[in-house]
Amino acid sequence: MLQAIGIIKDEHQSMGAVLKGLQAHLEAVREGRDKPDFPLFHAMFDYIETIPDRVHHPKEDEYLFRLLRM
């Protein structure tokens, strides 16, 4: 169980890192320090849209929220 919680925490950190990276790249583009990297944007948005529902939330439902419902 502790391992599952550790994995969930790691996934939260990974999702946060992707969001921070997206925010940093958008800021750099907006300020003219970088050009838009559209393949990177696509990969980041795909990750943000896909990973939580397909990979992360099922783990939370099975290992974390199940315990909270008891």
PDB file of N, CA and C in Angstrom:
ATOM      1  N   MET A   1       0.817  -1.197   0.000  1.00  0.00           N
ATOM      2  CA  MET A   1       0.000   0.000   0.000  1.00  0.00           C
ATOM      3  C   MET A   1       0.861   1.260   0.000  1.00  0.00           C
ATOM      4  N   LEU A   2       1.921   1.255   0.819  1.00  0.00           N
ATOM      5  CA  LEU A   2       2.797   2.422   0.851  1.00  0.00           C
ATOM      6  C   LEU A   2       3.477   2.638  -0.495  1.00  0.00           C
ATOM      7  N   GLN A   3       3.790   1.546  -1.172  1.00  0.00           N
ATOM      8  CA  GLN A   3       4.401   1.663  -2.497  1.00  0.00           C
ATOM      9  C   GLN A   3       3.425   2.326  -3.470  1.00  0.00           C
ATOM     10  N   ALA A   4       2.160   1.960  -3.386  1.00  0.00           N
ATOM     11  CA  ALA A   4       1.145   2.557  -4.266  1.00  0.00           C
ATOM     12  C   ALA A   4       1.026   4.051  -4.005  1.00  0.00           C
ATOM     13  N   ILE A   5       1.031   4.444  -2.751  1.00  0.00           N
ATOM     14  CA  ILE A   5       0.951   5.869  -2.413  1.00  0.00           C
ATOM     15  C   ILE A   5       2.188   6.597  -2.919  1.00  0.00           C
ATOM     16  N   GLY A   6       3.343   5.955  -2.811  1.00  0.00           N
ATOM     17  CA  GLY A   6       4.564   6.554  -3.341  1.00  0.00           C
ATOM     18  C   GLY A   6       4.487   6.775  -4.843  1.00  0.00           C
ATOM     19  N   ILE A   7       3.935   5.813  -5.546  1.00  0.00           N
ATOM     20  CA  ILE A   7       3.774   5.947  -7.002  1.00  0.00           C
ATOM     21  C   ILE A   7       2.812   7.086  -7.325  1.00  0.00           C
ATOM     22  N   ILE A   8       1.718   7.177  -6.588  1.00  0.00           N
ATOM     23  CA  ILE A   8       0.745   8.256  -6.795  1.00  0.00           C
ATOM     24  C   ILE A   8       1.408   9.611  -6.563  1.00  0.00           C
ATOM     25  N   LYS A   9       2.196   9.715  -5.505  1.00  0.00           N
ATOM     26  CA  LYS A   9       2.909  10.973  -5.230  1.00  0.00           C
ATOM     27  C   LYS A   9       3.887  11.301  -6.354  1.00  0.00           C
ATOM     28  N   ASP A  10       4.613  10.298  -6.831  1.00  0.00           N
ATOM     29  CA  ASP A  10       5.555  10.517  -7.931  1.00  0.00           C
ATOM     30  C   ASP A  10       4.832  11.003  -9.182  1.00  0.00           C
ATOM     31  N   GLU A  11       3.666  10.430  -9.433  1.00  0.00           N
ATOM     32  CA  GLU A  11       2.891  10.857 -10.599  1.00  0.00           C
ATOM     33  C   GLU A  11       2.411  12.295 -10.441  1.00  0.00           C
ATOM     34  N   HIS A  12       2.038  12.688  -9.222  1.00  0.00           N
ATOM     35  CA  HIS A  12       1.658  14.085  -8.985  1.00  0.00           C
ATOM     36  C   HIS A  12       2.835  15.000  -9.298  1.00  0.00           C
ATOM     37  N   GLN A  13       4.023  14.608  -8.864  1.00  0.00           N
ATOM     38  CA  GLN A  13       5.211  15.422  -9.134  1.00  0.00           C
ATOM     39  C   GLN A  13       5.488  15.495 -10.631  1.00  0.00           C
ATOM     40  N   SER A  14       5.316  14.386 -11.323  1.00  0.00           N
ATOM     41  CA  SER A  14       5.547  14.369 -12.772  1.00  0.00           C
ATOM     42  C   SER A  14       4.554  15.275 -13.496  1.00  0.00           C
ATOM     43  N   MET A  15       3.298  15.204 -13.096  1.00  0.00           N
ATOM     44  CA  MET A  15       2.295  16.066 -13.725  1.00  0.00           C
ATOM     45  C   MET A  15       2.602  17.530 -13.443  1.00  0.00           C
ATOM     46  N   GLY A  16       3.021  17.816 -12.224  1.00  0.00           N
ATOM     47  CA  GLY A  16       3.406  19.184 -11.881  1.00  0.00           C
ATOM     48  C   GLY A  16       4.592  19.664 -12.700  1.00  0.00           C
ATOM     49  N   ALA A  17       5.558  18.785 -12.930  1.00  0.00           N
ATOM     50  CA  ALA A  17       6.734  19.148 -13.725  1.00  0.00           C
ATOM     51  C   ALA A  17       6.345  19.462 -15.166  1.00  0.00           C
ATOM     52  N   VAL A  18       5.435  18.688 -15.720  1.00  0.00           N
ATOM     53  CA  VAL A  18       4.980  18.957 -17.089  1.00  0.00           C
ATOM     54  C   VAL A  18       4.271  20.305 -17.143  1.00  0.00           C
ATOM     55  N   LEU A  19       3.424  20.577 -16.163  1.00  0.00           N
ATOM     56  CA  LEU A  19       2.719  21.862 -16.137  1.00  0.00           C
ATOM     57  C   LEU A  19       3.694  23.021 -15.970  1.00  0.00           C
ATOM     58  N   LYS A  20       4.696  22.863 -15.107  1.00  0.00           N
ATOM     59  CA  LYS A  20       5.702  23.920 -14.931  1.00  0.00           C
ATOM     60  C   LYS A  20       6.498  24.130 -16.212  1.00  0.00           C
ATOM     61  N   GLY A  21       6.850  23.037 -16.884  1.00  0.00           N
ATOM     62  CA  GLY A  21       7.570  23.151 -18.146  1.00  0.00           C
ATOM     63  C   GLY A  21       6.748  23.858 -19.205  1.00  0.00           C
ATOM     64  N   LEU A  22       5.480  23.525 -19.272  1.00  0.00           N
ATOM     65  CA  LEU A  22       4.577  24.175 -20.220  1.00  0.00           C
ATOM     66  C   LEU A  22       4.495  25.665 -19.917  1.00  0.00           C
ATOM     67  N   GLN A  23       4.311  25.986 -18.665  1.00  0.00           N
ATOM     68  CA  GLN A  23       4.219  27.384 -18.249  1.00  0.00           C
ATOM     69  C   GLN A  23       5.511  28.135 -18.584  1.00  0.00           C
ATOM     70  N   ALA A  24       6.659  27.523 -18.320  1.00  0.00           N
ATOM     71  CA  ALA A  24       7.945  28.169 -18.595  1.00  0.00           C
ATOM     72  C   ALA A  24       8.139  28.397 -20.095  1.00  0.00           C
ATOM     73  N   HIS A  25       7.774  27.405 -20.902  1.00  0.00           N
ATOM     74  CA  HIS A  25       7.937  27.560 -22.352  1.00  0.00           C
ATOM     75  C   HIS A  25       6.987  28.628 -22.892  1.00  0.00           C
ATOM     76  N   LEU A  26       5.759  28.635 -22.416  1.00  0.00           N
ATOM     77  CA  LEU A  26       4.812  29.664 -22.852  1.00  0.00           C
ATOM     78  C   LEU A  26       5.310  31.053 -22.483  1.00  0.00           C
ATOM     79  N   GLU A  27       5.848  31.197 -21.293  1.00  0.00           N
ATOM     80  CA  GLU A  27       6.383  32.486 -20.850  1.00  0.00           C
ATOM     81  C   GLU A  27       7.566  32.908 -21.729  1.00  0.00           C
ATOM     82  N   ALA A  28       8.451  31.966 -22.036  1.00  0.00           N
ATOM     83  CA  ALA A  28       9.609  32.271 -22.883  1.00  0.00           C
ATOM     84  C   ALA A  28       9.165  32.696 -24.282  1.00  0.00           C
ATOM     85  N   VAL A  29       8.152  32.043 -24.807  1.00  0.00           N
ATOM     86  CA  VAL A  29       7.629  32.409 -26.128  1.00  0.00           C
ATOM     87  C   VAL A  29       6.988  33.788 -26.061  1.00  0.00           C
ATOM     88  N   ARG A  30       6.187  34.008 -25.052  1.00  0.00           N
ATOM     89  CA  ARG A  30       5.491  35.289 -24.903  1.00  0.00           C
ATOM     90  C   ARG A  30       6.481  36.447 -24.783  1.00  0.00           C
ATOM     91  N   GLU A  31       7.602  36.209 -24.093  1.00  0.00           N
ATOM     92  CA  GLU A  31       8.605  37.255 -23.883  1.00  0.00           C
ATOM     93  C   GLU A  31       9.611  37.342 -25.029  1.00  0.00           C
ATOM     94  N   GLY A  32       9.478  36.489 -26.039  1.00  0.00           N
ATOM     95  CA  GLY A  32      10.364  36.528 -27.183  1.00  0.00           C
ATOM     96  C   GLY A  32      11.717  35.874 -26.963  1.00  0.00           C
ATOM     97  N   ARG A  33      11.865  35.123 -25.883  1.00  0.00           N
ATOM     98  CA  ARG A  33      13.132  34.439 -25.594  1.00  0.00           C
ATOM     99  C   ARG A  33      13.234  33.095 -26.295  1.00  0.00           C
ATOM    100  N   ASP A  34      12.142  32.618 -26.834  1.00  0.00           N
ATOM    101  CA  ASP A  34      12.128  31.313 -27.493  1.00  0.00           C
ATOM    102  C   ASP A  34      11.035  31.311 -28.553  1.00  0.00           C
ATOM    103  N   LYS A  35      11.162  30.396 -29.487  1.00  0.00           N
ATOM    104  CA  LYS A  35      10.123  30.205 -30.497  1.00  0.00           C
ATOM    105  C   LYS A  35       9.246  29.032 -30.070  1.00  0.00           C
ATOM    106  N   PRO A  36       7.983  29.054 -30.460  1.00  0.00           N
ATOM    107  CA  PRO A  36       7.100  27.947 -30.073  1.00  0.00           C
ATOM    108  C   PRO A  36       7.622  26.606 -30.584  1.00  0.00           C
ATOM    109  N   ASP A  37       7.627  25.652 -29.708  1.00  0.00           N
ATOM    110  CA  ASP A  37       8.000  24.279 -30.072  1.00  0.00           C
ATOM    111  C   ASP A  37       6.698  23.482 -30.120  1.00  0.00           C
ATOM    112  N   PHE A  38       6.072  23.465 -31.289  1.00  0.00           N
ATOM    113  CA  PHE A  38       4.748  22.863 -31.409  1.00  0.00           C
ATOM    114  C   PHE A  38       4.725  21.360 -31.125  1.00  0.00           C
ATOM    115  N   PRO A  39       5.739  20.598 -31.534  1.00  0.00           N
ATOM    116  CA  PRO A  39       5.744  19.183 -31.136  1.00  0.00           C
ATOM    117  C   PRO A  39       5.815  19.008 -29.611  1.00  0.00           C
ATOM    118  N   LEU A  40       6.566  19.889 -28.958  1.00  0.00           N
ATOM    119  CA  LEU A  40       6.635  19.838 -27.493  1.00  0.00           C
ATOM    120  C   LEU A  40       5.278  20.178 -26.883  1.00  0.00           C
ATOM    121  N   PHE A  41       4.652  21.253 -27.374  1.00  0.00           N
ATOM    122  CA  PHE A  41       3.312  21.602 -26.886  1.00  0.00           C
ATOM    123  C   PHE A  41       2.356  20.430 -27.070  1.00  0.00           C
ATOM    124  N   HIS A  42       2.395  19.820 -28.240  1.00  0.00           N
ATOM    125  CA  HIS A  42       1.508  18.688 -28.515  1.00  0.00           C
ATOM    126  C   HIS A  42       1.749  17.566 -27.515  1.00  0.00           C
ATOM    127  N   ALA A  43       3.002  17.233 -27.278  1.00  0.00           N
ATOM    128  CA  ALA A  43       3.326  16.157 -26.332  1.00  0.00           C
ATOM    129  C   ALA A  43       2.871  16.505 -24.921  1.00  0.00           C
ATOM    130  N   MET A  44       3.069  17.754 -24.519  1.00  0.00           N
ATOM    131  CA  MET A  44       2.662  18.169 -23.169  1.00  0.00           C
ATOM    132  C   MET A  44       1.147  18.120 -23.012  1.00  0.00           C
ATOM    133  N   PHE A  45       0.427  18.659 -23.996  1.00  0.00           N
ATOM    134  CA  PHE A  45      -1.036  18.634 -23.913  1.00  0.00           C
ATOM    135  C   PHE A  45      -1.569  17.208 -23.966  1.00  0.00           C
ATOM    136  N   ASP A  46      -0.941  16.376 -24.773  1.00  0.00           N
ATOM    137  CA  ASP A  46      -1.344  14.969 -24.825  1.00  0.00           C
ATOM    138  C   ASP A  46      -1.154  14.316 -23.461  1.00  0.00           C
ATOM    139  N   TYR A  47      -0.032  14.569 -22.834  1.00  0.00           N
ATOM    140  CA  TYR A  47       0.245  14.026 -21.498  1.00  0.00           C
ATOM    141  C   TYR A  47      -0.809  14.517 -20.502  1.00  0.00           C
ATOM    142  N   ILE A  48      -1.061  15.824 -20.513  1.00  0.00           N
ATOM    143  CA  ILE A  48      -2.015  16.425 -19.570  1.00  0.00           C
ATOM    144  C   ILE A  48      -3.420  15.860 -19.774  1.00  0.00           C
ATOM    145  N   GLU A  49      -3.802  15.619 -21.024  1.00  0.00           N
ATOM    146  CA  GLU A  49      -5.139  15.094 -21.307  1.00  0.00           C
ATOM    147  C   GLU A  49      -5.254  13.600 -21.056  1.00  0.00           C
ATOM    148  N   THR A  50      -4.196  12.856 -21.284  1.00  0.00           N
ATOM    149  CA  THR A  50      -4.263  11.400 -21.304  1.00  0.00           C
ATOM    150  C   THR A  50      -3.882  10.744 -19.988  1.00  0.00           C
ATOM    151  N   ILE A  51      -2.756  11.086 -19.453  1.00  0.00           N
ATOM    152  CA  ILE A  51      -2.191  10.362 -18.312  1.00  0.00           C
ATOM    153  C   ILE A  51      -3.090  10.390 -17.076  1.00  0.00           C
ATOM    154  N   PRO A  52      -3.617  11.541 -16.677  1.00  0.00           N
ATOM    155  CA  PRO A  52      -4.428  11.522 -15.453  1.00  0.00           C
ATOM    156  C   PRO A  52      -5.599  10.536 -15.511  1.00  0.00           C
ATOM    157  N   ASP A  53      -6.384  10.583 -16.579  1.00  0.00           N
ATOM    158  CA  ASP A  53      -7.578   9.731 -16.644  1.00  0.00           C
ATOM    159  C   ASP A  53      -7.266   8.268 -16.921  1.00  0.00           C
ATOM    160  N   ARG A  54      -6.294   8.009 -17.768  1.00  0.00           N
ATOM    161  CA  ARG A  54      -6.007   6.619 -18.143  1.00  0.00           C
ATOM    162  C   ARG A  54      -5.087   5.901 -17.173  1.00  0.00           C
ATOM    163  N   VAL A  55      -4.152   6.616 -16.585  1.00  0.00           N
ATOM    164  CA  VAL A  55      -3.115   5.966 -15.788  1.00  0.00           C
ATOM    165  C   VAL A  55      -3.214   6.318 -14.309  1.00  0.00           C
ATOM    166  N   HIS A  56      -3.367   7.593 -14.016  1.00  0.00           N
ATOM    167  CA  HIS A  56      -3.254   8.058 -12.630  1.00  0.00           C
ATOM    168  C   HIS A  56      -4.537   7.880 -11.810  1.00  0.00           C
ATOM    169  N   HIS A  57      -5.641   8.372 -12.305  1.00  0.00           N
ATOM    170  CA  HIS A  57      -6.887   8.317 -11.529  1.00  0.00           C
ATOM    171  C   HIS A  57      -7.328   6.898 -11.179  1.00  0.00           C
ATOM    172  N   PRO A  58      -7.155   5.921 -12.060  1.00  0.00           N
ATOM    173  CA  PRO A  58      -7.497   4.553 -11.642  1.00  0.00           C
ATOM    174  C   PRO A  58      -6.699   4.087 -10.417  1.00  0.00           C
ATOM    175  N   LYS A  59      -5.445   4.486 -10.319  1.00  0.00           N
ATOM    176  CA  LYS A  59      -4.645   4.127  -9.136  1.00  0.00           C
ATOM    177  C   LYS A  59      -5.193   4.807  -7.893  1.00  0.00           C
ATOM    178  N   GLU A  60      -5.545   6.084  -8.022  1.00  0.00           N
ATOM    179  CA  GLU A  60      -6.121   6.779  -6.873  1.00  0.00           C
ATOM    180  C   GLU A  60      -7.417   6.104  -6.438  1.00  0.00           C
ATOM    181  N   ASP A  61      -8.256   5.765  -7.398  1.00  0.00           N
ATOM    182  CA  ASP A  61      -9.525   5.111  -7.071  1.00  0.00           C
ATOM    183  C   ASP A  61      -9.303   3.779  -6.366  1.00  0.00           C
ATOM    184  N   GLU A  62      -8.364   2.995  -6.872  1.00  0.00           N
ATOM    185  CA  GLU A  62      -8.151   1.658  -6.329  1.00  0.00           C
ATOM    186  C   GLU A  62      -7.420   1.665  -4.995  1.00  0.00           C
ATOM    187  N   TYR A  63      -6.393   2.477  -4.878  1.00  0.00           N
ATOM    188  CA  TYR A  63      -5.527   2.377  -3.703  1.00  0.00           C
ATOM    189  C   TYR A  63      -5.745   3.460  -2.664  1.00  0.00           C
ATOM    190  N   LEU A  64      -6.190   4.630  -3.059  1.00  0.00           N
ATOM    191  CA  LEU A  64      -6.296   5.727  -2.110  1.00  0.00           C
ATOM    192  C   LEU A  64      -7.740   5.978  -1.695  1.00  0.00           C
ATOM    193  N   PHE A  65      -8.602   6.258  -2.653  1.00  0.00           N
ATOM    194  CA  PHE A  65      -9.976   6.622  -2.325  1.00  0.00           C
ATOM    195  C   PHE A  65     -10.767   5.447  -1.765  1.00  0.00           C
ATOM    196  N   ARG A  66     -10.407   4.243  -2.147  1.00  0.00           N
ATOM    197  CA  ARG A  66     -11.072   3.056  -1.596  1.00  0.00           C
ATOM    198  C   ARG A  66     -10.904   3.028  -0.078  1.00  0.00           C
ATOM    199  N   LEU A  67      -9.716   3.369   0.389  1.00  0.00           N
ATOM    200  CA  LEU A  67      -9.464   3.391   1.835  1.00  0.00           C
ATOM    201  C   LEU A  67     -10.237   4.507   2.522  1.00  0.00           C
ATOM    202  N   LEU A  68     -10.380   5.622   1.851  1.00  0.00           N
ATOM    203  CA  LEU A  68     -11.101   6.743   2.442  1.00  0.00           C
ATOM    204  C   LEU A  68     -12.594   6.464   2.563  1.00  0.00           C
ATOM    205  N   ARG A  69     -13.122   5.581   1.705  1.00  0.00           N
ATOM    206  CA  ARG A  69     -14.550   5.242   1.756  1.00  0.00           C
ATOM    207  C   ARG A  69     -14.867   4.259   2.871  1.00  0.00           C
ATOM    208  N   MET A  70     -13.866   3.605   3.396  1.00  0.00           N
ATOM    209  CA  MET A  70     -14.107   2.578   4.429  1.00  0.00           C
ATOM    210  C   MET A  70     -14.589   3.183   5.721  1.00  0.00           C
TER     211      MET A  70
END
